[in-house]
């Protein structure tokens, strides 16, 4: 914001970066869980090993948690006075 960015550009940029990192983690987790499901399939009760609803719910919850966690620093970033930030550096 000290270099001229608007608040309407800062918040989506921060959230987009956080979601990009979460997407990489979720993709890796889904791939690893697809490979490891045969080892834990005997311990599952009431859920099929490749239940798409469970996979989708986990992805949704992680995306929701990431978005809400990224909004806190994004909101703080738009509240900082640009002159104070430049003076601090």
PDB file of N, CA and C in Angstrom:
ATOM      1  N   UNK A   1       0.822  -1.173   0.000  1.00  0.00           N
ATOM      2  CA  UNK A   1       0.000   0.000   0.000  1.00  0.00           C
ATOM      3  C   UNK A   1       0.873   1.246   0.000  1.00  0.00           C
ATOM      4  N   UNK A   2       2.093   1.117   0.515  1.00  0.00           N
ATOM      5  CA  UNK A   2       2.991   2.259   0.522  1.00  0.00           C
ATOM      6  C   UNK A   2       3.437   2.610  -0.892  1.00  0.00           C
ATOM      7  N   UNK A   3       3.344   1.675  -1.793  1.00  0.00           N
ATOM      8  CA  UNK A   3       3.763   1.926  -3.173  1.00  0.00           C
ATOM      9  C   UNK A   3       2.581   2.210  -4.091  1.00  0.00           C
ATOM     10  N   UNK A   4       1.399   2.439  -3.525  1.00  0.00           N
ATOM     11  CA  UNK A   4       0.262   2.846  -4.329  1.00  0.00           C
ATOM     12  C   UNK A   4      -0.809   1.805  -4.547  1.00  0.00           C
ATOM     13  N   UNK A   5      -0.689   0.654  -3.927  1.00  0.00           N
ATOM     14  CA  UNK A   5      -1.729  -0.371  -4.088  1.00  0.00           C
ATOM     15  C   UNK A   5      -2.971   0.034  -3.309  1.00  0.00           C
ATOM     16  N   UNK A   6      -4.103  -0.313  -3.836  1.00  0.00           N
ATOM     17  CA  UNK A   6      -5.362  -0.019  -3.158  1.00  0.00           C
ATOM     18  C   UNK A   6      -5.740  -1.188  -2.253  1.00  0.00           C
ATOM     19  N   UNK A   7      -6.568  -0.885  -1.272  1.00  0.00           N
ATOM     20  CA  UNK A   7      -7.010  -1.925  -0.344  1.00  0.00           C
ATOM     21  C   UNK A   7      -7.790  -3.016  -1.076  1.00  0.00           C
ATOM     22  N   UNK A   8      -8.491  -2.627  -2.131  1.00  0.00           N
ATOM     23  CA  UNK A   8      -9.258  -3.620  -2.888  1.00  0.00           C
ATOM     24  C   UNK A   8      -8.364  -4.571  -3.676  1.00  0.00           C
ATOM     25  N   UNK A   9      -7.076  -4.238  -3.813  1.00  0.00           N
ATOM     26  CA  UNK A   9      -6.139  -5.137  -4.479  1.00  0.00           C
ATOM     27  C   UNK A   9      -5.312  -5.941  -3.485  1.00  0.00           C
ATOM     28  N   UNK A  10      -5.108  -5.392  -2.294  1.00  0.00           N
ATOM     29  CA  UNK A  10      -4.239  -6.054  -1.319  1.00  0.00           C
ATOM     30  C   UNK A  10      -4.905  -7.301  -0.743  1.00  0.00           C
ATOM     31  N   UNK A  11      -6.153  -7.184  -0.331  1.00  0.00           N
ATOM     32  CA  UNK A  11      -6.834  -8.317   0.308  1.00  0.00           C
ATOM     33  C   UNK A  11      -6.948  -9.519  -0.639  1.00  0.00           C
ATOM     34  N   UNK A  12      -7.430  -9.358  -1.867  1.00  0.00           N
ATOM     35  CA  UNK A  12      -7.483 -10.536  -2.747  1.00  0.00           C
ATOM     36  C   UNK A  12      -6.107 -11.118  -3.066  1.00  0.00           C
ATOM     37  N   UNK A  13      -5.097 -10.266  -3.135  1.00  0.00           N
ATOM     38  CA  UNK A  13      -3.747 -10.753  -3.418  1.00  0.00           C
ATOM     39  C   UNK A  13      -3.230 -11.622  -2.283  1.00  0.00           C
ATOM     40  N   UNK A  14      -3.442 -11.204  -1.041  1.00  0.00           N
ATOM     41  CA  UNK A  14      -2.991 -11.988   0.104  1.00  0.00           C
ATOM     42  C   UNK A  14      -3.772 -13.293   0.197  1.00  0.00           C
ATOM     43  N   UNK A  15      -5.086 -13.225   0.029  1.00  0.00           N
ATOM     44  CA  UNK A  15      -5.910 -14.433   0.111  1.00  0.00           C
ATOM     45  C   UNK A  15      -5.583 -15.389  -1.028  1.00  0.00           C
ATOM     46  N   UNK A  16      -5.351 -14.861  -2.210  1.00  0.00           N
ATOM     47  CA  UNK A  16      -4.999 -15.709  -3.361  1.00  0.00           C
ATOM     48  C   UNK A  16      -3.679 -16.439  -3.113  1.00  0.00           C
ATOM     49  N   UNK A  17      -2.699 -15.741  -2.541  1.00  0.00           N
ATOM     50  CA  UNK A  17      -1.424 -16.388  -2.239  1.00  0.00           C
ATOM     51  C   UNK A  17      -1.573 -17.494  -1.207  1.00  0.00           C
ATOM     52  N   UNK A  18      -2.395 -17.249  -0.194  1.00  0.00           N
ATOM     53  CA  UNK A  18      -2.625 -18.280   0.827  1.00  0.00           C
ATOM     54  C   UNK A  18      -3.367 -19.472   0.243  1.00  0.00           C
ATOM     55  N   UNK A  19      -4.357 -19.206  -0.587  1.00  0.00           N
ATOM     56  CA  UNK A  19      -5.099 -20.312  -1.199  1.00  0.00           C
ATOM     57  C   UNK A  19      -4.235 -21.114  -2.173  1.00  0.00           C
ATOM     58  N   UNK A  20      -3.300 -20.445  -2.813  1.00  0.00           N
ATOM     59  CA  UNK A  20      -2.385 -21.160  -3.719  1.00  0.00           C
ATOM     60  C   UNK A  20      -1.523 -22.145  -2.919  1.00  0.00           C
ATOM     61  N   UNK A  21      -1.013 -21.692  -1.768  1.00  0.00           N
ATOM     62  CA  UNK A  21      -0.231 -22.593  -0.921  1.00  0.00           C
ATOM     63  C   UNK A  21      -1.085 -23.735  -0.375  1.00  0.00           C
ATOM     64  N   UNK A  22      -2.315 -23.413   0.012  1.00  0.00           N
ATOM     65  CA  UNK A  22      -3.210 -24.453   0.517  1.00  0.00           C
ATOM     66  C   UNK A  22      -3.553 -25.455  -0.576  1.00  0.00           C
ATOM     67  N   UNK A  23      -3.707 -24.989  -1.807  1.00  0.00           N
ATOM     68  CA  UNK A  23      -4.029 -25.896  -2.916  1.00  0.00           C
ATOM     69  C   UNK A  23      -2.899 -26.885  -3.161  1.00  0.00           C
ATOM     70  N   UNK A  24      -1.668 -26.422  -3.055  1.00  0.00           N
ATOM     71  CA  UNK A  24      -0.524 -27.332  -3.213  1.00  0.00           C
ATOM     72  C   UNK A  24      -0.539 -28.376  -2.100  1.00  0.00           C
ATOM     73  N   UNK A  25      -0.795 -27.928  -0.869  1.00  0.00           N
ATOM     74  CA  UNK A  25      -0.856 -28.862   0.249  1.00  0.00           C
ATOM     75  C   UNK A  25      -2.009 -29.840   0.139  1.00  0.00           C
ATOM     76  N   UNK A  26      -3.154 -29.355  -0.287  1.00  0.00           N
ATOM     77  CA  UNK A  26      -4.321 -30.235  -0.441  1.00  0.00           C
ATOM     78  C   UNK A  26      -4.080 -31.241  -1.554  1.00  0.00           C
ATOM     79  N   UNK A  27      -3.507 -30.795  -2.640  1.00  0.00           N
ATOM     80  CA  UNK A  27      -3.208 -31.713  -3.737  1.00  0.00           C
ATOM     81  C   UNK A  27      -2.248 -32.812  -3.287  1.00  0.00           C
ATOM     82  N   UNK A  28      -1.208 -32.419  -2.574  1.00  0.00           N
ATOM     83  CA  UNK A  28      -0.270 -33.420  -2.049  1.00  0.00           C
ATOM     84  C   UNK A  28      -0.945 -34.353  -1.058  1.00  0.00           C
ATOM     85  N   UNK A  29      -1.821 -33.806  -0.219  1.00  0.00           N
ATOM     86  CA  UNK A  29      -2.527 -34.633   0.749  1.00  0.00           C
ATOM     87  C   UNK A  29      -3.490 -35.605   0.101  1.00  0.00           C
ATOM     88  N   UNK A  30      -4.179 -35.169  -0.929  1.00  0.00           N
ATOM     89  CA  UNK A  30      -5.108 -36.059  -1.623  1.00  0.00           C
ATOM     90  C   UNK A  30      -4.347 -37.183  -2.327  1.00  0.00           C
ATOM     91  N   UNK A  31      -3.225 -36.840  -2.931  1.00  0.00           N
ATOM     92  CA  UNK A  31      -2.428 -37.878  -3.602  1.00  0.00           C
ATOM     93  C   UNK A  31      -1.892 -38.881  -2.587  1.00  0.00           C
ATOM     94  N   UNK A  32      -1.361 -38.381  -1.472  1.00  0.00           N
ATOM     95  CA  UNK A  32      -0.844 -39.296  -0.448  1.00  0.00           C
ATOM     96  C   UNK A  32      -1.952 -40.122   0.197  1.00  0.00           C
ATOM     97  N   UNK A  33      -3.105 -39.513   0.396  1.00  0.00           N
ATOM     98  CA  UNK A  33      -4.207 -40.280   0.991  1.00  0.00           C
ATOM     99  C   UNK A  33      -4.737 -41.326   0.018  1.00  0.00           C
ATOM    100  N   UNK A  34      -4.701 -41.038  -1.271  1.00  0.00           N
ATOM    101  CA  UNK A  34      -5.142 -42.031  -2.253  1.00  0.00           C
ATOM    102  C   UNK A  34      -4.205 -43.239  -2.255  1.00  0.00           C
ATOM    103  N   UNK A  35      -2.917 -42.987  -2.025  1.00  0.00           N
ATOM    104  CA  UNK A  35      -1.971 -44.105  -1.977  1.00  0.00           C
ATOM    105  C   UNK A  35      -2.028 -44.852  -0.638  1.00  0.00           C
ATOM    106  N   UNK A  36      -2.321 -44.148   0.443  1.00  0.00           N
ATOM    107  CA  UNK A  36      -2.297 -44.794   1.754  1.00  0.00           C
ATOM    108  C   UNK A  36      -3.647 -45.344   2.197  1.00  0.00           C
ATOM    109  N   UNK A  37      -4.684 -45.152   1.405  1.00  0.00           N
ATOM    110  CA  UNK A  37      -6.012 -45.592   1.809  1.00  0.00           C
ATOM    111  C   UNK A  37      -6.101 -47.107   1.923  1.00  0.00           C
ATOM    112  N   UNK A  38      -5.336 -47.829   1.173  1.00  0.00           N
ATOM    113  CA  UNK A  38      -5.422 -49.291   1.263  1.00  0.00           C
ATOM    114  C   UNK A  38      -4.833 -49.804   2.572  1.00  0.00           C
ATOM    115  N   UNK A  39      -3.946 -49.017   3.213  1.00  0.00           N
ATOM    116  CA  UNK A  39      -3.377 -49.435   4.487  1.00  0.00           C
ATOM    117  C   UNK A  39      -4.328 -49.185   5.654  1.00  0.00           C
ATOM    118  N   UNK A  40      -5.166 -48.167   5.550  1.00  0.00           N
ATOM    119  CA  UNK A  40      -6.074 -47.831   6.642  1.00  0.00           C
ATOM    120  C   UNK A  40      -7.518 -48.219   6.342  1.00  0.00           C
ATOM    121  N   UNK A  41      -7.766 -48.888   5.246  1.00  0.00           N
ATOM    122  CA  UNK A  41      -9.150 -49.225   4.868  1.00  0.00           C
ATOM    123  C   UNK A  41      -9.798 -50.168   5.871  1.00  0.00           C
ATOM    124  N   UNK A  42      -9.027 -50.965   6.583  1.00  0.00           N
ATOM    125  CA  UNK A  42      -9.605 -51.867   7.581  1.00  0.00           C
ATOM    126  C   UNK A  42     -10.061 -51.099   8.825  1.00  0.00           C
ATOM    127  N   UNK A  43      -9.560 -49.895   9.030  1.00  0.00           N
ATOM    128  CA  UNK A  43      -9.917 -49.107  10.218  1.00  0.00           C
ATOM    129  C   UNK A  43     -11.057 -48.127   9.958  1.00  0.00           C
ATOM    130  N   UNK A  44     -11.525 -48.035   8.727  1.00  0.00           N
ATOM    131  CA  UNK A  44     -12.617 -47.126   8.400  1.00  0.00           C
ATOM    132  C   UNK A  44     -13.943 -47.766   8.755  1.00  0.00           C
ATOM    133  N   UNK A  45     -14.816 -46.994   9.389  1.00  0.00           N
ATOM    134  CA  UNK A  45     -16.126 -47.510   9.778  1.00  0.00           C
ATOM    135  C   UNK A  45     -17.195 -46.617   9.170  1.00  0.00           C
ATOM    136  N   UNK A  46     -17.994 -47.156   8.295  1.00  0.00           N
ATOM    137  CA  UNK A  46     -19.101 -46.424   7.707  1.00  0.00           C
ATOM    138  C   UNK A  46     -18.704 -45.498   6.574  1.00  0.00           C
ATOM    139  N   UNK A  47     -17.465 -45.552   6.142  1.00  0.00           N
ATOM    140  CA  UNK A  47     -16.991 -44.693   5.059  1.00  0.00           C
ATOM    141  C   UNK A  47     -16.237 -45.561   4.063  1.00  0.00           C
ATOM    142  N   UNK A  48     -16.528 -45.386   2.816  1.00  0.00           N
ATOM    143  CA  UNK A  48     -15.800 -46.121   1.778  1.00  0.00           C
ATOM    144  C   UNK A  48     -14.383 -45.546   1.666  1.00  0.00           C
ATOM    145  N   UNK A  49     -13.415 -46.350   1.282  1.00  0.00           N
ATOM    146  CA  UNK A  49     -12.039 -45.851   1.203  1.00  0.00           C
ATOM    147  C   UNK A  49     -11.865 -44.670   0.248  1.00  0.00           C
ATOM    148  N   UNK A  50     -12.570 -44.663  -0.852  1.00  0.00           N
ATOM    149  CA  UNK A  50     -12.462 -43.569  -1.822  1.00  0.00           C
ATOM    150  C   UNK A  50     -13.771 -42.779  -1.881  1.00  0.00           C
ATOM    151  N   UNK A  51     -14.282 -42.366  -0.727  1.00  0.00           N
ATOM    152  CA  UNK A  51     -15.537 -41.635  -0.651  1.00  0.00           C
ATOM    153  C   UNK A  51     -15.319 -40.201  -1.148  1.00  0.00           C
ATOM    154  N   UNK A  52     -15.894 -39.839  -2.305  1.00  0.00           N
ATOM    155  CA  UNK A  52     -15.656 -38.500  -2.852  1.00  0.00           C
ATOM    156  C   UNK A  52     -16.254 -37.388  -1.993  1.00  0.00           C
ATOM    157  N   UNK A  53     -17.343 -37.682  -1.291  1.00  0.00           N
ATOM    158  CA  UNK A  53     -17.947 -36.674  -0.422  1.00  0.00           C
ATOM    159  C   UNK A  53     -17.005 -36.314   0.730  1.00  0.00           C
ATOM    160  N   UNK A  54     -16.340 -37.301   1.289  1.00  0.00           N
ATOM    161  CA  UNK A  54     -15.383 -37.041   2.364  1.00  0.00           C
ATOM    162  C   UNK A  54     -14.203 -36.235   1.851  1.00  0.00           C
ATOM    163  N   UNK A  55     -13.674 -36.608   0.712  1.00  0.00           N
ATOM    164  CA  UNK A  55     -12.559 -35.864   0.131  1.00  0.00           C
ATOM    165  C   UNK A  55     -12.965 -34.417  -0.155  1.00  0.00           C
ATOM    166  N   UNK A  56     -14.154 -34.221  -0.710  1.00  0.00           N
ATOM    167  CA  UNK A  56     -14.620 -32.870  -1.025  1.00  0.00           C
ATOM    168  C   UNK A  56     -14.855 -32.058   0.245  1.00  0.00           C
ATOM    169  N   UNK A  57     -15.393 -32.691   1.275  1.00  0.00           N
ATOM    170  CA  UNK A  57     -15.632 -31.978   2.533  1.00  0.00           C
ATOM    171  C   UNK A  57     -14.328 -31.532   3.173  1.00  0.00           C
ATOM    172  N   UNK A  58     -13.333 -32.383   3.135  1.00  0.00           N
ATOM    173  CA  UNK A  58     -12.024 -32.020   3.702  1.00  0.00           C
ATOM    174  C   UNK A  58     -11.400 -30.875   2.918  1.00  0.00           C
ATOM    175  N   UNK A  59     -11.479 -30.916   1.609  1.00  0.00           N
ATOM    176  CA  UNK A  59     -10.940 -29.834   0.781  1.00  0.00           C
ATOM    177  C   UNK A  59     -11.681 -28.532   1.065  1.00  0.00           C
ATOM    178  N   UNK A  60     -12.998 -28.593   1.218  1.00  0.00           N
ATOM    179  CA  UNK A  60     -13.786 -27.397   1.513  1.00  0.00           C
ATOM    180  C   UNK A  60     -13.420 -26.808   2.872  1.00  0.00           C
ATOM    181  N   UNK A  61     -13.283 -27.647   3.879  1.00  0.00           N
ATOM    182  CA  UNK A  61     -12.944 -27.161   5.219  1.00  0.00           C
ATOM    183  C   UNK A  61     -11.551 -26.534   5.230  1.00  0.00           C
ATOM    184  N   UNK A  62     -10.614 -27.133   4.542  1.00  0.00           N
ATOM    185  CA  UNK A  62      -9.262 -26.570   4.491  1.00  0.00           C
ATOM    186  C   UNK A  62      -9.264 -25.245   3.744  1.00  0.00           C
ATOM    187  N   UNK A  63     -10.013 -25.151   2.658  1.00  0.00           N
ATOM    188  CA  UNK A  63     -10.097 -23.885   1.918  1.00  0.00           C
ATOM    189  C   UNK A  63     -10.765 -22.804   2.759  1.00  0.00           C
ATOM    190  N   UNK A  64     -11.788 -23.155   3.500  1.00  0.00           N
ATOM    191  CA  UNK A  64     -12.467 -22.199   4.368  1.00  0.00           C
ATOM    192  C   UNK A  64     -11.551 -21.723   5.491  1.00  0.00           C
ATOM    193  N   UNK A  65     -10.827 -22.638   6.100  1.00  0.00           N
ATOM    194  CA  UNK A  65      -9.896 -22.270   7.173  1.00  0.00           C
ATOM    195  C   UNK A  65      -8.758 -21.406   6.643  1.00  0.00           C
ATOM    196  N   UNK A  66      -8.258 -21.720   5.456  1.00  0.00           N
ATOM    197  CA  UNK A  66      -7.184 -20.931   4.869  1.00  0.00           C
ATOM    198  C   UNK A  66      -7.658 -19.529   4.529  1.00  0.00           C
ATOM    199  N   UNK A  67      -8.838 -19.421   3.962  1.00  0.00           N
ATOM    200  CA  UNK A  67      -9.367 -18.104   3.612  1.00  0.00           C
ATOM    201  C   UNK A  67      -9.581 -17.243   4.840  1.00  0.00           C
ATOM    202  N   UNK A  68     -10.165 -17.818   5.874  1.00  0.00           N
ATOM    203  CA  UNK A  68     -10.397 -17.026   7.082  1.00  0.00           C
ATOM    204  C   UNK A  68      -9.098 -16.691   7.793  1.00  0.00           C
ATOM    205  N   UNK A  69      -8.123 -17.577   7.743  1.00  0.00           N
ATOM    206  CA  UNK A  69      -6.826 -17.286   8.360  1.00  0.00           C
ATOM    207  C   UNK A  69      -6.054 -16.237   7.570  1.00  0.00           C
ATOM    208  N   UNK A  70      -6.246 -16.172   6.276  1.00  0.00           N
ATOM    209  CA  UNK A  70      -5.541 -15.182   5.455  1.00  0.00           C
ATOM    210  C   UNK A  70      -6.192 -13.812   5.537  1.00  0.00           C
ATOM    211  N   UNK A  71      -7.449 -13.757   5.905  1.00  0.00           N
ATOM    212  CA  UNK A  71      -8.129 -12.464   5.989  1.00  0.00           C
ATOM    213  C   UNK A  71      -7.612 -11.606   7.140  1.00  0.00           C
ATOM    214  N   UNK A  72      -7.163 -12.227   8.218  1.00  0.00           N
ATOM    215  CA  UNK A  72      -6.672 -11.465   9.369  1.00  0.00           C
ATOM    216  C   UNK A  72      -5.444 -10.631   9.009  1.00  0.00           C
ATOM    217  N   UNK A  73      -4.373 -11.218   8.457  1.00  0.00           N
ATOM    218  CA  UNK A  73      -3.229 -10.369   8.091  1.00  0.00           C
ATOM    219  C   UNK A  73      -3.524  -9.422   6.930  1.00  0.00           C
ATOM    220  N   UNK A  74      -4.441  -9.810   6.061  1.00  0.00           N
ATOM    221  CA  UNK A  74      -4.790  -8.919   4.951  1.00  0.00           C
ATOM    222  C   UNK A  74      -5.507  -7.680   5.474  1.00  0.00           C
ATOM    223  N   UNK A  75      -6.413  -7.865   6.426  1.00  0.00           N
ATOM    224  CA  UNK A  75      -7.106  -6.718   7.013  1.00  0.00           C
ATOM    225  C   UNK A  75      -6.131  -5.838   7.785  1.00  0.00           C
ATOM    226  N   UNK A  76      -5.166  -6.442   8.459  1.00  0.00           N
ATOM    227  CA  UNK A  76      -4.150  -5.654   9.171  1.00  0.00           C
ATOM    228  C   UNK A  76      -3.284  -4.883   8.194  1.00  0.00           C
ATOM    229  N   UNK A  77      -2.994  -5.473   7.058  1.00  0.00           N
ATOM    230  CA  UNK A  77      -2.136  -4.803   6.074  1.00  0.00           C
ATOM    231  C   UNK A  77      -2.809  -3.563   5.509  1.00  0.00           C
ATOM    232  N   UNK A  78      -4.121  -3.588   5.350  1.00  0.00           N
ATOM    233  CA  UNK A  78      -4.773  -2.409   4.784  1.00  0.00           C
ATOM    234  C   UNK A  78      -4.999  -1.330   5.837  1.00  0.00           C
ATOM    235  N   UNK A  79      -4.854  -1.677   7.119  1.00  0.00           N
ATOM    236  CA  UNK A  79      -5.011  -0.685   8.179  1.00  0.00           C
ATOM    237  C   UNK A  79      -3.720   0.058   8.504  1.00  0.00           C
ATOM    238  N   UNK A  80      -2.592  -0.414   7.999  1.00  0.00           N
ATOM    239  CA  UNK A  80      -1.310   0.218   8.285  1.00  0.00           C
ATOM    240  C   UNK A  80      -1.180   1.497   7.463  1.00  0.00           C
ATOM    241  N   UNK A  81      -0.734   2.547   8.128  1.00  0.00           N
ATOM    242  CA  UNK A  81      -0.497   3.815   7.435  1.00  0.00           C
ATOM    243  C   UNK A  81       0.759   3.671   6.582  1.00  0.00           C
ATOM    244  N   UNK A  82       0.704   3.959   5.276  1.00  0.00           N
ATOM    245  CA  UNK A  82       1.856   3.775   4.410  1.00  0.00           C
ATOM    246  C   UNK A  82       3.083   4.602   4.836  1.00  0.00           C
ATOM    247  N   UNK A  83       2.873   5.789   5.346  1.00  0.00           N
ATOM    248  CA  UNK A  83       4.002   6.627   5.774  1.00  0.00           C
ATOM    249  C   UNK A  83       4.713   5.989   6.965  1.00  0.00           C
ATOM    250  N   UNK A  84       3.943   5.452   7.891  1.00  0.00           N
ATOM    251  CA  UNK A  84       4.537   4.801   9.057  1.00  0.00           C
ATOM    252  C   UNK A  84       5.327   3.558   8.615  1.00  0.00           C
ATOM    253  N   UNK A  85       4.784   2.805   7.677  1.00  0.00           N
ATOM    254  CA  UNK A  85       5.478   1.608   7.192  1.00  0.00           C
ATOM    255  C   UNK A  85       6.777   1.970   6.487  1.00  0.00           C
ATOM    256  N   UNK A  86       6.767   3.027   5.678  1.00  0.00           N
ATOM    257  CA  UNK A  86       7.991   3.444   5.007  1.00  0.00           C
ATOM    258  C   UNK A  86       9.008   4.016   5.988  1.00  0.00           C
ATOM    259  N   UNK A  87       8.543   4.720   6.983  1.00  0.00           N
ATOM    260  CA  UNK A  87       9.445   5.288   7.975  1.00  0.00           C
ATOM    261  C   UNK A  87      10.092   4.194   8.797  1.00  0.00           C
ATOM    262  N   UNK A  88       9.360   3.114   9.061  1.00  0.00           N
ATOM    263  CA  UNK A  88       9.881   1.992   9.834  1.00  0.00           C
ATOM    264  C   UNK A  88      10.996   1.281   9.074  1.00  0.00           C
ATOM    265  N   UNK A  89      10.856   1.152   7.776  1.00  0.00           N
ATOM    266  CA  UNK A  89      11.852   0.469   6.963  1.00  0.00           C
ATOM    267  C   UNK A  89      13.056   1.352   6.833  1.00  0.00           C
TER     268      UNK A  89
END
